[in-house]
Amino acid sequence: MELELLAKDGMSGDKGCPSVYLSDTGEFVVQGVELEGSDLPESTGPLPGGTAVRISPEVVFAAVEHYRRRGM
């Protein structure tokens, strides 16, 4: 899978997170700090094989804006 970086937290360094990517399949890939323990609500836990990550709204909005500018 090839990933194109759309947006990331400016305070995270060159390869840090949270980040939002666009894959060559057309799907978004989100990288962030994994939620664990009491941060993860029992009623909305991820499905088997999945995980939940923490990402700021600003990074998501920046990724969507970048995506829109590409004409997607």
N, C-alpha and C. Protein backbone atom coordinates (compact mmCIF):
# COMPACT_ATOMS: atom_id res chain seq x y z
N MET A 1 0.85 -1.17 0.00
CA MET A 1 0.00 0.00 0.00
C MET A 1 0.90 1.24 0.00
N GLU A 2 0.58 2.18 -0.86
CA GLU A 2 1.30 3.45 -0.89
C GLU A 2 0.45 4.51 -0.22
N LEU A 3 1.12 5.37 0.57
CA LEU A 3 0.42 6.41 1.31
C LEU A 3 0.95 7.78 0.95
N GLU A 4 0.04 8.73 0.80
CA GLU A 4 0.38 10.13 0.59
C GLU A 4 -0.03 10.91 1.83
N LEU A 5 0.90 11.62 2.43
CA LEU A 5 0.60 12.42 3.61
C LEU A 5 -0.29 13.59 3.22
N LEU A 6 -1.44 13.71 3.89
CA LEU A 6 -2.34 14.85 3.67
C LEU A 6 -2.15 15.92 4.73
N ALA A 7 -1.99 15.50 5.99
CA ALA A 7 -1.83 16.47 7.08
C ALA A 7 -1.28 15.75 8.30
N LYS A 8 -0.56 16.52 9.15
CA LYS A 8 -0.07 15.98 10.41
C LYS A 8 0.07 17.12 11.40
N ASP A 9 0.17 16.76 12.65
CA ASP A 9 0.36 17.74 13.70
C ASP A 9 1.72 18.40 13.49
N GLY A 10 1.76 19.71 13.39
CA GLY A 10 2.99 20.44 13.16
C GLY A 10 4.00 20.33 14.27
N MET A 11 3.57 19.93 15.45
CA MET A 11 4.47 19.80 16.59
C MET A 11 5.07 18.40 16.70
N SER A 12 4.78 17.52 15.74
CA SER A 12 5.17 16.12 15.87
C SER A 12 6.49 15.76 15.20
N GLY A 13 7.17 16.70 14.60
CA GLY A 13 8.42 16.39 13.91
C GLY A 13 8.18 15.89 12.50
N ASP A 14 9.26 15.47 11.84
CA ASP A 14 9.18 15.08 10.43
C ASP A 14 8.27 13.89 10.16
N LYS A 15 8.31 12.87 11.01
CA LYS A 15 7.55 11.64 10.75
C LYS A 15 6.62 11.30 11.88
N GLY A 16 6.23 12.29 12.67
CA GLY A 16 5.41 12.03 13.84
C GLY A 16 3.93 11.89 13.55
N CYS A 17 3.19 11.83 14.61
CA CYS A 17 1.75 11.69 14.50
C CYS A 17 1.10 12.62 15.52
N PRO A 18 -0.14 12.91 15.44
CA PRO A 18 -1.11 12.28 14.55
C PRO A 18 -0.99 12.77 13.11
N SER A 19 -1.34 11.88 12.19
CA SER A 19 -1.26 12.15 10.77
C SER A 19 -2.44 11.53 10.05
N VAL A 20 -2.76 12.10 8.89
CA VAL A 20 -3.79 11.54 8.02
C VAL A 20 -3.17 11.36 6.64
N TYR A 21 -3.34 10.16 6.08
CA TYR A 21 -2.80 9.82 4.77
C TYR A 21 -3.92 9.42 3.83
N LEU A 22 -3.65 9.50 2.51
CA LEU A 22 -4.53 8.96 1.49
C LEU A 22 -3.82 7.77 0.88
N SER A 23 -4.47 6.61 0.89
CA SER A 23 -3.84 5.40 0.34
C SER A 23 -4.10 5.31 -1.16
N ASP A 24 -3.34 4.46 -1.82
CA ASP A 24 -3.53 4.26 -3.25
C ASP A 24 -4.84 3.56 -3.57
N THR A 25 -5.55 3.09 -2.54
CA THR A 25 -6.88 2.50 -2.73
C THR A 25 -7.98 3.55 -2.60
N GLY A 26 -7.59 4.81 -2.28
CA GLY A 26 -8.57 5.88 -2.12
C GLY A 26 -9.12 6.01 -0.71
N GLU A 27 -8.59 5.24 0.23
CA GLU A 27 -9.06 5.29 1.61
C GLU A 27 -8.13 6.18 2.44
N PHE A 28 -8.69 6.75 3.51
CA PHE A 28 -7.89 7.49 4.47
C PHE A 28 -7.26 6.53 5.46
N VAL A 29 -6.03 6.81 5.85
CA VAL A 29 -5.34 6.07 6.89
C VAL A 29 -4.97 7.08 7.96
N VAL A 30 -5.33 6.80 9.21
CA VAL A 30 -5.10 7.72 10.32
C VAL A 30 -4.09 7.10 11.27
N GLN A 31 -3.09 7.88 11.63
CA GLN A 31 -2.07 7.44 12.59
C GLN A 31 -2.17 8.34 13.81
N GLY A 32 -2.20 7.76 14.97
CA GLY A 32 -2.28 8.53 16.20
C GLY A 32 -1.94 7.69 17.41
N VAL A 33 -2.06 8.29 18.56
CA VAL A 33 -1.80 7.58 19.81
C VAL A 33 -2.96 6.63 20.09
N GLU A 34 -2.65 5.35 20.28
CA GLU A 34 -3.67 4.34 20.50
C GLU A 34 -4.36 4.53 21.85
N LEU A 35 -5.68 4.44 21.84
CA LEU A 35 -6.45 4.51 23.08
C LEU A 35 -6.39 3.16 23.78
N GLU A 36 -6.20 3.19 25.07
CA GLU A 36 -6.13 1.96 25.86
C GLU A 36 -6.86 2.15 27.17
N GLY A 37 -7.17 1.04 27.81
CA GLY A 37 -7.74 1.05 29.16
C GLY A 37 -8.96 1.91 29.30
N SER A 38 -8.93 2.79 30.29
CA SER A 38 -10.11 3.60 30.61
C SER A 38 -10.42 4.65 29.55
N ASP A 39 -9.47 4.93 28.63
CA ASP A 39 -9.74 5.88 27.54
C ASP A 39 -10.68 5.29 26.50
N LEU A 40 -10.80 3.97 26.47
CA LEU A 40 -11.58 3.29 25.45
C LEU A 40 -12.93 2.86 26.03
N PRO A 41 -14.02 3.52 25.62
CA PRO A 41 -15.33 3.14 26.16
C PRO A 41 -15.69 1.70 25.81
N GLU A 42 -16.23 0.99 26.78
CA GLU A 42 -16.59 -0.42 26.56
C GLU A 42 -17.64 -0.57 25.47
N SER A 43 -18.59 0.35 25.42
CA SER A 43 -19.71 0.21 24.48
C SER A 43 -19.31 0.50 23.03
N THR A 44 -18.18 1.17 22.81
CA THR A 44 -17.80 1.52 21.44
C THR A 44 -16.39 1.05 21.10
N GLY A 45 -15.96 -0.03 21.74
CA GLY A 45 -14.62 -0.56 21.47
C GLY A 45 -14.48 -0.94 20.01
N PRO A 46 -13.24 -0.95 19.50
CA PRO A 46 -13.03 -1.30 18.09
C PRO A 46 -13.36 -2.76 17.80
N LEU A 47 -13.68 -3.03 16.57
CA LEU A 47 -13.95 -4.39 16.13
C LEU A 47 -12.66 -5.20 16.13
N PRO A 48 -12.75 -6.51 16.13
CA PRO A 48 -11.54 -7.34 16.07
C PRO A 48 -10.67 -6.93 14.88
N GLY A 49 -9.38 -6.77 15.14
CA GLY A 49 -8.45 -6.35 14.09
C GLY A 49 -8.33 -4.85 13.95
N GLY A 50 -9.16 -4.10 14.66
CA GLY A 50 -9.12 -2.64 14.59
C GLY A 50 -8.55 -2.04 15.85
N THR A 51 -8.35 -0.75 15.80
CA THR A 51 -7.91 -0.02 16.98
C THR A 51 -8.48 1.39 16.91
N ALA A 52 -8.49 2.08 18.01
CA ALA A 52 -8.94 3.47 18.06
C ALA A 52 -7.73 4.34 18.38
N VAL A 53 -7.62 5.47 17.69
CA VAL A 53 -6.51 6.39 17.92
C VAL A 53 -7.05 7.78 18.22
N ARG A 54 -6.20 8.55 18.88
CA ARG A 54 -6.53 9.93 19.23
C ARG A 54 -5.90 10.85 18.18
N ILE A 55 -6.72 11.80 17.63
CA ILE A 55 -6.23 12.74 16.63
C ILE A 55 -7.02 14.04 16.78
N SER A 56 -6.34 15.17 16.65
CA SER A 56 -7.01 16.45 16.86
C SER A 56 -7.90 16.81 15.66
N PRO A 57 -8.98 17.54 15.91
CA PRO A 57 -9.84 17.98 14.82
C PRO A 57 -9.08 18.82 13.79
N GLU A 58 -8.12 19.61 14.23
CA GLU A 58 -7.37 20.46 13.30
C GLU A 58 -6.63 19.65 12.24
N VAL A 59 -6.07 18.50 12.65
CA VAL A 59 -5.36 17.65 11.69
C VAL A 59 -6.36 17.03 10.71
N VAL A 60 -7.50 16.60 11.20
CA VAL A 60 -8.53 16.02 10.33
C VAL A 60 -9.03 17.08 9.34
N PHE A 61 -9.34 18.27 9.82
CA PHE A 61 -9.82 19.35 8.94
C PHE A 61 -8.77 19.72 7.90
N ALA A 62 -7.50 19.78 8.29
CA ALA A 62 -6.43 20.09 7.34
C ALA A 62 -6.33 19.01 6.27
N ALA A 63 -6.49 17.75 6.66
CA ALA A 63 -6.44 16.65 5.70
C ALA A 63 -7.61 16.74 4.72
N VAL A 64 -8.79 17.02 5.21
CA VAL A 64 -9.96 17.14 4.34
C VAL A 64 -9.78 18.30 3.37
N GLU A 65 -9.26 19.42 3.85
CA GLU A 65 -9.02 20.57 2.97
C GLU A 65 -8.00 20.23 1.89
N HIS A 66 -6.94 19.55 2.25
CA HIS A 66 -5.93 19.12 1.27
C HIS A 66 -6.57 18.18 0.24
N TYR A 67 -7.38 17.27 0.70
CA TYR A 67 -8.08 16.32 -0.16
C TYR A 67 -9.00 17.06 -1.15
N ARG A 68 -9.74 18.03 -0.67
CA ARG A 68 -10.65 18.80 -1.53
C ARG A 68 -9.88 19.60 -2.57
N ARG A 69 -8.74 20.19 -2.18
CA ARG A 69 -7.94 20.98 -3.13
C ARG A 69 -7.41 20.12 -4.26
N ARG A 70 -7.24 18.83 -4.00
CA ARG A 70 -6.78 17.91 -5.04
C ARG A 70 -7.89 17.60 -6.04
N GLY A 71 -9.11 18.05 -5.75
CA GLY A 71 -10.21 17.80 -6.65
C GLY A 71 -10.85 16.44 -6.49
N MET A 72 -10.73 15.88 -5.30
CA MET A 72 -11.28 14.55 -5.05
C MET A 72 -12.76 14.65 -4.72
